[in-house]
Amino acid sequence: MKTVVVWLILISLTLISLLLNNISSIRFVVMGLFSIKFIIVAFYFMGIREAHMFWKVFTIILISIISSIIVFI
């Protein structure tokens, strides 16, 4: 049941991103939604939640750097 709820959250975030994608001034919000989706997938489906603290911090720093590069280019 929890997997279904997480899946529905991911689908709703994807639909919100799709609706907001055509507005050029909203790219910060779209990248924020992308980051949230990435963290949910990594922590819930890839098992980072049970991993060592290094991998949790590394994942969050990695997505922050990637999102920042994409937004500011």
PDB file of N, CA and C in Angstrom:
ATOM      1  N   MET A   1       0.827  -1.199   0.000  1.00  0.00           N
ATOM      2  CA  MET A   1       0.000   0.000   0.000  1.00  0.00           C
ATOM      3  C   MET A   1       0.869   1.262   0.000  1.00  0.00           C
ATOM      4  N   LYS A   2       1.990   1.222   0.747  1.00  0.00           N
ATOM      5  CA  LYS A   2       2.871   2.384   0.807  1.00  0.00           C
ATOM      6  C   LYS A   2       3.502   2.660  -0.552  1.00  0.00           C
ATOM      7  N   THR A   3       3.800   1.613  -1.295  1.00  0.00           N
ATOM      8  CA  THR A   3       4.374   1.776  -2.621  1.00  0.00           C
ATOM      9  C   THR A   3       3.392   2.482  -3.553  1.00  0.00           C
ATOM     10  N   VAL A   4       2.126   2.155  -3.432  1.00  0.00           N
ATOM     11  CA  VAL A   4       1.105   2.793  -4.261  1.00  0.00           C
ATOM     12  C   VAL A   4       1.005   4.280  -3.935  1.00  0.00           C
ATOM     13  N   VAL A   5       1.073   4.628  -2.662  1.00  0.00           N
ATOM     14  CA  VAL A   5       1.009   6.033  -2.256  1.00  0.00           C
ATOM     15  C   VAL A   5       2.217   6.794  -2.800  1.00  0.00           C
ATOM     16  N   VAL A   6       3.403   6.209  -2.687  1.00  0.00           N
ATOM     17  CA  VAL A   6       4.612   6.849  -3.215  1.00  0.00           C
ATOM     18  C   VAL A   6       4.499   7.001  -4.725  1.00  0.00           C
ATOM     19  N   TRP A   7       3.982   5.989  -5.395  1.00  0.00           N
ATOM     20  CA  TRP A   7       3.812   6.049  -6.838  1.00  0.00           C
ATOM     21  C   TRP A   7       2.838   7.162  -7.223  1.00  0.00           C
ATOM     22  N   LEU A   8       1.737   7.290  -6.501  1.00  0.00           N
ATOM     23  CA  LEU A   8       0.770   8.354  -6.775  1.00  0.00           C
ATOM     24  C   LEU A   8       1.376   9.742  -6.543  1.00  0.00           C
ATOM     25  N   ILE A   9       2.199   9.872  -5.520  1.00  0.00           N
ATOM     26  CA  ILE A   9       2.888  11.141  -5.274  1.00  0.00           C
ATOM     27  C   ILE A   9       3.813  11.469  -6.441  1.00  0.00           C
ATOM     28  N   LEU A  10       4.563  10.480  -6.920  1.00  0.00           N
ATOM     29  CA  LEU A  10       5.464  10.700  -8.052  1.00  0.00           C
ATOM     30  C   LEU A  10       4.695  11.076  -9.319  1.00  0.00           C
ATOM     31  N   ILE A  11       3.571  10.417  -9.564  1.00  0.00           N
ATOM     32  CA  ILE A  11       2.754  10.739 -10.732  1.00  0.00           C
ATOM     33  C   ILE A  11       2.194  12.153 -10.629  1.00  0.00           C
ATOM     34  N   SER A  12       1.729  12.537  -9.439  1.00  0.00           N
ATOM     35  CA  SER A  12       1.174  13.884  -9.285  1.00  0.00           C
ATOM     36  C   SER A  12       2.258  14.947  -9.451  1.00  0.00           C
ATOM     37  N   LEU A  13       3.457  14.716  -8.924  1.00  0.00           N
ATOM     38  CA  LEU A  13       4.556  15.663  -9.120  1.00  0.00           C
ATOM     39  C   LEU A  13       4.949  15.761 -10.594  1.00  0.00           C
ATOM     40  N   THR A  14       4.891  14.652 -11.305  1.00  0.00           N
ATOM     41  CA  THR A  14       5.191  14.660 -12.730  1.00  0.00           C
ATOM     42  C   THR A  14       4.146  15.455 -13.500  1.00  0.00           C
ATOM     43  N   LEU A  15       2.882  15.286 -13.162  1.00  0.00           N
ATOM     44  CA  LEU A  15       1.829  16.041 -13.840  1.00  0.00           C
ATOM     45  C   LEU A  15       1.929  17.533 -13.554  1.00  0.00           C
ATOM     46  N   ILE A  16       2.271  17.896 -12.329  1.00  0.00           N
ATOM     47  CA  ILE A  16       2.460  19.307 -11.993  1.00  0.00           C
ATOM     48  C   ILE A  16       3.636  19.874 -12.787  1.00  0.00           C
ATOM     49  N   SER A  17       4.716  19.119 -12.890  1.00  0.00           N
ATOM     50  CA  SER A  17       5.870  19.559 -13.679  1.00  0.00           C
ATOM     51  C   SER A  17       5.494  19.742 -15.144  1.00  0.00           C
ATOM     52  N   LEU A  18       4.681  18.837 -15.656  1.00  0.00           N
ATOM     53  CA  LEU A  18       4.255  18.919 -17.048  1.00  0.00           C
ATOM     54  C   LEU A  18       3.409  20.167 -17.280  1.00  0.00           C
ATOM     55  N   LEU A  19       2.512  20.474 -16.366  1.00  0.00           N
ATOM     56  CA  LEU A  19       1.667  21.660 -16.515  1.00  0.00           C
ATOM     57  C   LEU A  19       2.460  22.954 -16.397  1.00  0.00           C
ATOM     58  N   LEU A  20       3.483  22.971 -15.550  1.00  0.00           N
ATOM     59  CA  LEU A  20       4.270  24.174 -15.336  1.00  0.00           C
ATOM     60  C   LEU A  20       5.425  24.330 -16.316  1.00  0.00           C
ATOM     61  N   ASN A  21       5.681  23.320 -17.117  1.00  0.00           N
ATOM     62  CA  ASN A  21       6.841  23.322 -18.000  1.00  0.00           C
ATOM     63  C   ASN A  21       6.791  24.409 -19.063  1.00  0.00           C
ATOM     64  N   ASN A  22       5.620  24.803 -19.494  1.00  0.00           N
ATOM     65  CA  ASN A  22       5.492  25.790 -20.563  1.00  0.00           C
ATOM     66  C   ASN A  22       5.749  27.215 -20.083  1.00  0.00           C
ATOM     67  N   ILE A  23       5.785  27.444 -18.795  1.00  0.00           N
ATOM     68  CA  ILE A  23       6.038  28.772 -18.250  1.00  0.00           C
ATOM     69  C   ILE A  23       7.542  28.885 -17.999  1.00  0.00           C
ATOM     70  N   SER A  24       8.202  29.784 -18.724  1.00  0.00           N
ATOM     71  CA  SER A  24       9.666  29.844 -18.668  1.00  0.00           C
ATOM     72  C   SER A  24      10.194  30.389 -17.346  1.00  0.00           C
ATOM     73  N   SER A  25       9.428  31.200 -16.644  1.00  0.00           N
ATOM     74  CA  SER A  25       9.920  31.786 -15.394  1.00  0.00           C
ATOM     75  C   SER A  25       9.756  30.843 -14.206  1.00  0.00           C
ATOM     76  N   ILE A  26       9.218  29.675 -14.430  1.00  0.00           N
ATOM     77  CA  ILE A  26       8.958  28.737 -13.341  1.00  0.00           C
ATOM     78  C   ILE A  26       9.992  27.610 -13.318  1.00  0.00           C
ATOM     79  N   ARG A  27      11.109  27.762 -13.993  1.00  0.00           N
ATOM     80  CA  ARG A  27      12.053  26.646 -14.065  1.00  0.00           C
ATOM     81  C   ARG A  27      12.631  26.271 -12.709  1.00  0.00           C
ATOM     82  N   PHE A  28      12.691  27.208 -11.758  1.00  0.00           N
ATOM     83  CA  PHE A  28      13.144  26.874 -10.402  1.00  0.00           C
ATOM     84  C   PHE A  28      12.183  25.893  -9.743  1.00  0.00           C
ATOM     85  N   VAL A  29      10.895  26.117  -9.939  1.00  0.00           N
ATOM     86  CA  VAL A  29       9.881  25.225  -9.355  1.00  0.00           C
ATOM     87  C   VAL A  29       9.945  23.854 -10.003  1.00  0.00           C
ATOM     88  N   VAL A  30      10.087  23.829 -11.321  1.00  0.00           N
ATOM     89  CA  VAL A  30      10.163  22.547 -12.038  1.00  0.00           C
ATOM     90  C   VAL A  30      11.398  21.767 -11.595  1.00  0.00           C
ATOM     91  N   MET A  31      12.528  22.441 -11.443  1.00  0.00           N
ATOM     92  CA  MET A  31      13.734  21.754 -10.968  1.00  0.00           C
ATOM     93  C   MET A  31      13.581  21.314  -9.514  1.00  0.00           C
ATOM     94  N   GLY A  32      12.872  22.083  -8.722  1.00  0.00           N
ATOM     95  CA  GLY A  32      12.595  21.666  -7.353  1.00  0.00           C
ATOM     96  C   GLY A  32      11.749  20.411  -7.314  1.00  0.00           C
ATOM     97  N   LEU A  33      10.736  20.343  -8.181  1.00  0.00           N
ATOM     98  CA  LEU A  33       9.909  19.137  -8.263  1.00  0.00           C
ATOM     99  C   LEU A  33      10.732  17.946  -8.749  1.00  0.00           C
ATOM    100  N   PHE A  34      11.628  18.190  -9.707  1.00  0.00           N
ATOM    101  CA  PHE A  34      12.526  17.131 -10.175  1.00  0.00           C
ATOM    102  C   PHE A  34      13.400  16.617  -9.029  1.00  0.00           C
ATOM    103  N   SER A  35      13.920  17.539  -8.234  1.00  0.00           N
ATOM    104  CA  SER A  35      14.784  17.148  -7.114  1.00  0.00           C
ATOM    105  C   SER A  35      14.020  16.323  -6.094  1.00  0.00           C
ATOM    106  N   ILE A  36      12.802  16.729  -5.802  1.00  0.00           N
ATOM    107  CA  ILE A  36      11.972  15.980  -4.849  1.00  0.00           C
ATOM    108  C   ILE A  36      11.693  14.578  -5.384  1.00  0.00           C
ATOM    109  N   LYS A  37      11.366  14.480  -6.674  1.00  0.00           N
ATOM    110  CA  LYS A  37      11.111  13.165  -7.261  1.00  0.00           C
ATOM    111  C   LYS A  37      12.357  12.290  -7.223  1.00  0.00           C
ATOM    112  N   PHE A  38      13.517  12.875  -7.522  1.00  0.00           N
ATOM    113  CA  PHE A  38      14.772  12.119  -7.492  1.00  0.00           C
ATOM    114  C   PHE A  38      15.045  11.583  -6.090  1.00  0.00           C
ATOM    115  N   ILE A  39      14.868  12.422  -5.080  1.00  0.00           N
ATOM    116  CA  ILE A  39      15.124  12.009  -3.699  1.00  0.00           C
ATOM    117  C   ILE A  39      14.139  10.919  -3.266  1.00  0.00           C
ATOM    118  N   ILE A  40      12.870  11.050  -3.650  1.00  0.00           N
ATOM    119  CA  ILE A  40      11.886  10.014  -3.300  1.00  0.00           C
ATOM    120  C   ILE A  40      12.270   8.684  -3.937  1.00  0.00           C
ATOM    121  N   VAL A  41      12.620   8.711  -5.214  1.00  0.00           N
ATOM    122  CA  VAL A  41      12.994   7.461  -5.900  1.00  0.00           C
ATOM    123  C   VAL A  41      14.254   6.869  -5.280  1.00  0.00           C
ATOM    124  N   ALA A  42      15.256   7.712  -5.035  1.00  0.00           N
ATOM    125  CA  ALA A  42      16.520   7.213  -4.488  1.00  0.00           C
ATOM    126  C   ALA A  42      16.338   6.639  -3.092  1.00  0.00           C
ATOM    127  N   PHE A  43      15.621   7.339  -2.240  1.00  0.00           N
ATOM    128  CA  PHE A  43      15.493   6.893  -0.866  1.00  0.00           C
ATOM    129  C   PHE A  43      14.495   5.751  -0.712  1.00  0.00           C
ATOM    130  N   TYR A  44      13.421   5.768  -1.484  1.00  0.00           N
ATOM    131  CA  TYR A  44      12.405   4.740  -1.289  1.00  0.00           C
ATOM    132  C   TYR A  44      12.651   3.501  -2.146  1.00  0.00           C
ATOM    133  N   PHE A  45      12.863   3.689  -3.431  1.00  0.00           N
ATOM    134  CA  PHE A  45      12.962   2.535  -4.324  1.00  0.00           C
ATOM    135  C   PHE A  45      14.378   1.992  -4.468  1.00  0.00           C
ATOM    136  N   MET A  46      15.406   2.828  -4.280  1.00  0.00           N
ATOM    137  CA  MET A  46      16.779   2.363  -4.446  1.00  0.00           C
ATOM    138  C   MET A  46      17.416   1.955  -3.117  1.00  0.00           C
ATOM    139  N   GLY A  47      16.745   2.153  -2.026  1.00  0.00           N
ATOM    140  CA  GLY A  47      17.240   1.688  -0.742  1.00  0.00           C
ATOM    141  C   GLY A  47      18.277   2.568  -0.081  1.00  0.00           C
ATOM    142  N   ILE A  48      18.394   3.820  -0.497  1.00  0.00           N
ATOM    143  CA  ILE A  48      19.359   4.728   0.124  1.00  0.00           C
ATOM    144  C   ILE A  48      18.970   4.986   1.583  1.00  0.00           C
ATOM    145  N   ARG A  49      17.709   4.844   1.878  1.00  0.00           N
ATOM    146  CA  ARG A  49      17.212   5.068   3.240  1.00  0.00           C
ATOM    147  C   ARG A  49      17.920   4.166   4.249  1.00  0.00           C
ATOM    148  N   GLU A  50      18.254   2.944   3.851  1.00  0.00           N
ATOM    149  CA  GLU A  50      18.937   2.014   4.759  1.00  0.00           C
ATOM    150  C   GLU A  50      20.454   2.042   4.595  1.00  0.00           C
ATOM    151  N   ALA A  51      20.955   2.859   3.700  1.00  0.00           N
ATOM    152  CA  ALA A  51      22.394   2.894   3.424  1.00  0.00           C
ATOM    153  C   ALA A  51      23.130   3.712   4.486  1.00  0.00           C
ATOM    154  N   HIS A  52      24.446   3.687   4.368  1.00  0.00           N
ATOM    155  CA  HIS A  52      25.311   4.449   5.270  1.00  0.00           C
ATOM    156  C   HIS A  52      25.036   5.945   5.099  1.00  0.00           C
ATOM    157  N   MET A  53      25.263   6.726   6.128  1.00  0.00           N
ATOM    158  CA  MET A  53      25.000   8.166   6.117  1.00  0.00           C
ATOM    159  C   MET A  53      25.746   8.875   4.984  1.00  0.00           C
ATOM    160  N   PHE A  54      26.943   8.389   4.650  1.00  0.00           N
ATOM    161  CA  PHE A  54      27.712   8.977   3.549  1.00  0.00           C
ATOM    162  C   PHE A  54      26.898   8.990   2.269  1.00  0.00           C
ATOM    163  N   TRP A  55      26.217   7.890   1.948  1.00  0.00           N
ATOM    164  CA  TRP A  55      25.468   7.797   0.703  1.00  0.00           C
ATOM    165  C   TRP A  55      24.232   8.673   0.729  1.00  0.00           C
ATOM    166  N   LYS A  56      23.636   8.847   1.884  1.00  0.00           N
ATOM    167  CA  LYS A  56      22.480   9.742   1.995  1.00  0.00           C
ATOM    168  C   LYS A  56      22.893  11.181   1.722  1.00  0.00           C
ATOM    169  N   VAL A  57      23.964  11.609   2.368  1.00  0.00           N
ATOM    170  CA  VAL A  57      24.457  12.978   2.186  1.00  0.00           C
ATOM    171  C   VAL A  57      24.957  13.170   0.759  1.00  0.00           C
ATOM    172  N   PHE A  58      25.677  12.188   0.229  1.00  0.00           N
ATOM    173  CA  PHE A  58      26.202  12.266  -1.131  1.00  0.00           C
ATOM    174  C   PHE A  58      25.074  12.406  -2.145  1.00  0.00           C
ATOM    175  N   THR A  59      23.991  11.672  -1.983  1.00  0.00           N
ATOM    176  CA  THR A  59      22.853  11.737  -2.887  1.00  0.00           C
ATOM    177  C   THR A  59      22.217  13.117  -2.871  1.00  0.00           C
ATOM    178  N   ILE A  60      22.031  13.676  -1.692  1.00  0.00           N
ATOM    179  CA  ILE A  60      21.414  14.995  -1.588  1.00  0.00           C
ATOM    180  C   ILE A  60      22.335  16.072  -2.158  1.00  0.00           C
ATOM    181  N   ILE A  61      23.619  15.986  -1.883  1.00  0.00           N
ATOM    182  CA  ILE A  61      24.565  16.964  -2.440  1.00  0.00           C
ATOM    183  C   ILE A  61      24.624  16.834  -3.962  1.00  0.00           C
ATOM    184  N   LEU A  62      24.642  15.617  -4.471  1.00  0.00           N
ATOM    185  CA  LEU A  62      24.693  15.395  -5.907  1.00  0.00           C
ATOM    186  C   LEU A  62      23.492  16.001  -6.615  1.00  0.00           C
ATOM    187  N   ILE A  63      22.299  15.769  -6.110  1.00  0.00           N
ATOM    188  CA  ILE A  63      21.110  16.313  -6.766  1.00  0.00           C
ATOM    189  C   ILE A  63      21.072  17.829  -6.635  1.00  0.00           C
ATOM    190  N   SER A  64      21.606  18.365  -5.546  1.00  0.00           N
ATOM    191  CA  SER A  64      21.660  19.820  -5.393  1.00  0.00           C
ATOM    192  C   SER A  64      22.590  20.442  -6.428  1.00  0.00           C
ATOM    193  N   ILE A  65      23.739  19.823  -6.636  1.00  0.00           N
ATOM    194  CA  ILE A  65      24.694  20.345  -7.618  1.00  0.00           C
ATOM    195  C   ILE A  65      24.142  20.237  -9.032  1.00  0.00           C
ATOM    196  N   ILE A  66      23.569  19.101  -9.367  1.00  0.00           N
ATOM    197  CA  ILE A  66      23.016  18.913 -10.709  1.00  0.00           C
ATOM    198  C   ILE A  66      21.880  19.893 -10.972  1.00  0.00           C
ATOM    199  N   SER A  67      20.988  20.058 -10.018  1.00  0.00           N
ATOM    200  CA  SER A  67      19.871  20.993 -10.189  1.00  0.00           C
ATOM    201  C   SER A  67      20.359  22.423 -10.329  1.00  0.00           C
ATOM    202  N   SER A  68      21.340  22.787  -9.542  1.00  0.00           N
ATOM    203  CA  SER A  68      21.880  24.148  -9.617  1.00  0.00           C
ATOM    204  C   SER A  68      22.519  24.415 -10.965  1.00  0.00           C
ATOM    205  N   ILE A  69      23.267  23.461 -11.478  1.00  0.00           N
ATOM    206  CA  ILE A  69      23.907  23.625 -12.784  1.00  0.00           C
ATOM    207  C   ILE A  69      22.847  23.782 -13.878  1.00  0.00           C
ATOM    208  N   ILE A  70      21.828  22.962 -13.832  1.00  0.00           N
ATOM    209  CA  ILE A  70      20.784  23.019 -14.870  1.00  0.00           C
ATOM    210  C   ILE A  70      20.007  24.328 -14.786  1.00  0.00           C
ATOM    211  N   VAL A  71      19.689  24.780 -13.594  1.00  0.00           N
ATOM    212  CA  VAL A  71      18.883  25.999 -13.444  1.00  0.00           C
ATOM    213  C   VAL A  71      19.653  27.230 -13.879  1.00  0.00           C
ATOM    214  N   PHE A  72      20.940  27.311 -13.547  1.00  0.00           N
ATOM    215  CA  PHE A  72      21.686  28.531 -13.808  1.00  0.00           C
ATOM    216  C   PHE A  72      22.357  28.568 -15.182  1.00  0.00           C
ATOM    217  N   ILE A  73      22.156  27.540 -15.991  1.00  0.00           N
ATOM    218  CA  ILE A  73      22.712  27.574 -17.355  1.00  0.00           C
ATOM    219  C   ILE A  73      21.664  28.102 -18.305  1.00  0.00           C
TER     220      ILE A  73
END
